[in-house]
Amino acid sequence: MIAAYPVTAASVATTAATGKGPTDHAISESMDKDCSVWKVFDGQPICEKRLKPHEIPVQDYSKKKKLVPAN
């Protein structure tokens, strides 16, 4: 049955893997933003700014205190 509807099977697989359907991916690429039409149901904008790698916040664990005292 899946072979009879390859576009639907691909759409379901893409949505399950990424949370966005093929249309969302196409809109995202054409707008150079992160878009998902499902966001409209949460009252959010459909598209948001796509963060560049250097804009992604990263936790710095190198300065974290040790939990176990040294002997």
C-alpha atoms as a PDB file:
ATOM      1  CA  MET A   1       0.000   0.000   0.000  1.00  0.00           C
ATOM      2  CA  ILE A   2       2.861   2.426   0.771  1.00  0.00           C
ATOM      3  CA  ALA A   3       4.319   1.878  -2.710  1.00  0.00           C
ATOM      4  CA  ALA A   4       1.013   3.063  -4.192  1.00  0.00           C
ATOM      5  CA  TYR A   5       1.412   6.439  -2.492  1.00  0.00           C
ATOM      6  CA  PRO A   6       5.159   7.218  -2.548  1.00  0.00           C
ATOM      7  CA  VAL A   7       4.680  10.970  -2.107  1.00  0.00           C
ATOM      8  CA  THR A   8       2.485  10.442   0.940  1.00  0.00           C
ATOM      9  CA  ALA A   9       4.919   7.886   2.393  1.00  0.00           C
ATOM     10  CA  ALA A  10       7.821  10.292   1.874  1.00  0.00           C
ATOM     11  CA  SER A  11       5.828  13.113   3.450  1.00  0.00           C
ATOM     12  CA  VAL A  12       4.962  11.020   6.505  1.00  0.00           C
ATOM     13  CA  ALA A  13       8.565   9.846   6.869  1.00  0.00           C
ATOM     14  CA  THR A  14       9.934  13.389   6.558  1.00  0.00           C
ATOM     15  CA  THR A  15       7.430  14.765   9.051  1.00  0.00           C
ATOM     16  CA  ALA A  16       8.141  11.958  11.520  1.00  0.00           C
ATOM     17  CA  ALA A  17      11.906  12.453  11.247  1.00  0.00           C
ATOM     18  CA  THR A  18      12.079  16.265  11.307  1.00  0.00           C
ATOM     19  CA  GLY A  19       8.747  17.536  12.584  1.00  0.00           C
ATOM     20  CA  LYS A  20       8.295  19.397   9.295  1.00  0.00           C
ATOM     21  CA  GLY A  21       6.761  18.252   6.031  1.00  0.00           C
ATOM     22  CA  PRO A  22       8.218  18.656   2.545  1.00  0.00           C
ATOM     23  CA  THR A  23       6.258  21.892   2.052  1.00  0.00           C
ATOM     24  CA  ASP A  24       7.733  23.314   5.261  1.00  0.00           C
ATOM     25  CA  HIS A  25      11.237  22.431   4.061  1.00  0.00           C
ATOM     26  CA  ALA A  26      10.606  24.032   0.666  1.00  0.00           C
ATOM     27  CA  ILE A  27       9.290  27.233   2.274  1.00  0.00           C
ATOM     28  CA  SER A  28      12.221  27.284   4.714  1.00  0.00           C
ATOM     29  CA  GLU A  29      14.774  27.012   1.929  1.00  0.00           C
ATOM     30  CA  SER A  30      13.120  29.605  -0.281  1.00  0.00           C
ATOM     31  CA  MET A  31      12.744  32.107   2.603  1.00  0.00           C
ATOM     32  CA  ASP A  32      16.131  31.265   4.233  1.00  0.00           C
ATOM     33  CA  LYS A  33      14.238  30.920   7.533  1.00  0.00           C
ATOM     34  CA  ASP A  34      12.975  28.098   9.745  1.00  0.00           C
ATOM     35  CA  CYS A  35       9.347  27.653   8.691  1.00  0.00           C
ATOM     36  CA  SER A  36       6.597  25.291   9.803  1.00  0.00           C
ATOM     37  CA  VAL A  37       2.920  25.813   9.006  1.00  0.00           C
ATOM     38  CA  TRP A  38       1.997  23.896  12.192  1.00  0.00           C
ATOM     39  CA  LYS A  39       3.272  26.843  14.270  1.00  0.00           C
ATOM     40  CA  VAL A  40       0.164  28.806  13.290  1.00  0.00           C
ATOM     41  CA  PHE A  41      -1.906  26.475  15.504  1.00  0.00           C
ATOM     42  CA  ASP A  42       0.270  27.469  18.489  1.00  0.00           C
ATOM     43  CA  GLY A  43      -0.196  31.160  17.720  1.00  0.00           C
ATOM     44  CA  GLN A  44       3.440  31.511  16.626  1.00  0.00           C
ATOM     45  CA  PRO A  45       4.760  33.044  13.414  1.00  0.00           C
ATOM     46  CA  ILE A  46       5.124  30.483  10.632  1.00  0.00           C
ATOM     47  CA  CYS A  47       8.734  31.470   9.918  1.00  0.00           C
ATOM     48  CA  GLU A  48      11.532  32.389  12.311  1.00  0.00           C
ATOM     49  CA  LYS A  49      15.089  33.530  11.755  1.00  0.00           C
ATOM     50  CA  ARG A  50      17.393  30.628  10.984  1.00  0.00           C
ATOM     51  CA  LEU A  51      20.356  30.770  13.346  1.00  0.00           C
ATOM     52  CA  LYS A  52      23.868  30.600  11.919  1.00  0.00           C
ATOM     53  CA  PRO A  53      26.241  28.167  13.681  1.00  0.00           C
ATOM     54  CA  HIS A  54      28.055  30.986  15.500  1.00  0.00           C
ATOM     55  CA  GLU A  55      24.719  32.362  16.786  1.00  0.00           C
ATOM     56  CA  ILE A  56      23.639  29.164  18.567  1.00  0.00           C
ATOM     57  CA  PRO A  57      24.034  29.539  22.342  1.00  0.00           C
ATOM     58  CA  VAL A  58      26.422  27.015  23.872  1.00  0.00           C
ATOM     59  CA  GLN A  59      26.822  26.129  27.554  1.00  0.00           C
ATOM     60  CA  ASP A  60      30.418  26.504  28.767  1.00  0.00           C
ATOM     61  CA  TYR A  61      31.087  23.557  31.063  1.00  0.00           C
ATOM     62  CA  SER A  62      34.833  24.227  31.379  1.00  0.00           C
ATOM     63  CA  LYS A  63      34.366  26.612  34.344  1.00  0.00           C
ATOM     64  CA  LYS A  64      31.904  24.454  36.265  1.00  0.00           C
ATOM     65  CA  LYS A  65      32.842  23.681  39.868  1.00  0.00           C
ATOM     66  CA  LYS A  66      33.658  20.125  40.867  1.00  0.00           C
ATOM     67  CA  LEU A  67      30.918  18.465  42.898  1.00  0.00           C
ATOM     68  CA  VAL A  68      33.261  16.049  44.679  1.00  0.00           C
ATOM     69  CA  PRO A  69      36.026  17.657  46.764  1.00  0.00           C
ATOM     70  CA  ALA A  70      39.582  16.687  45.821  1.00  0.00           C
ATOM     71  CA  ASN A  71      41.620  14.712  48.434  1.00  0.00           C
END
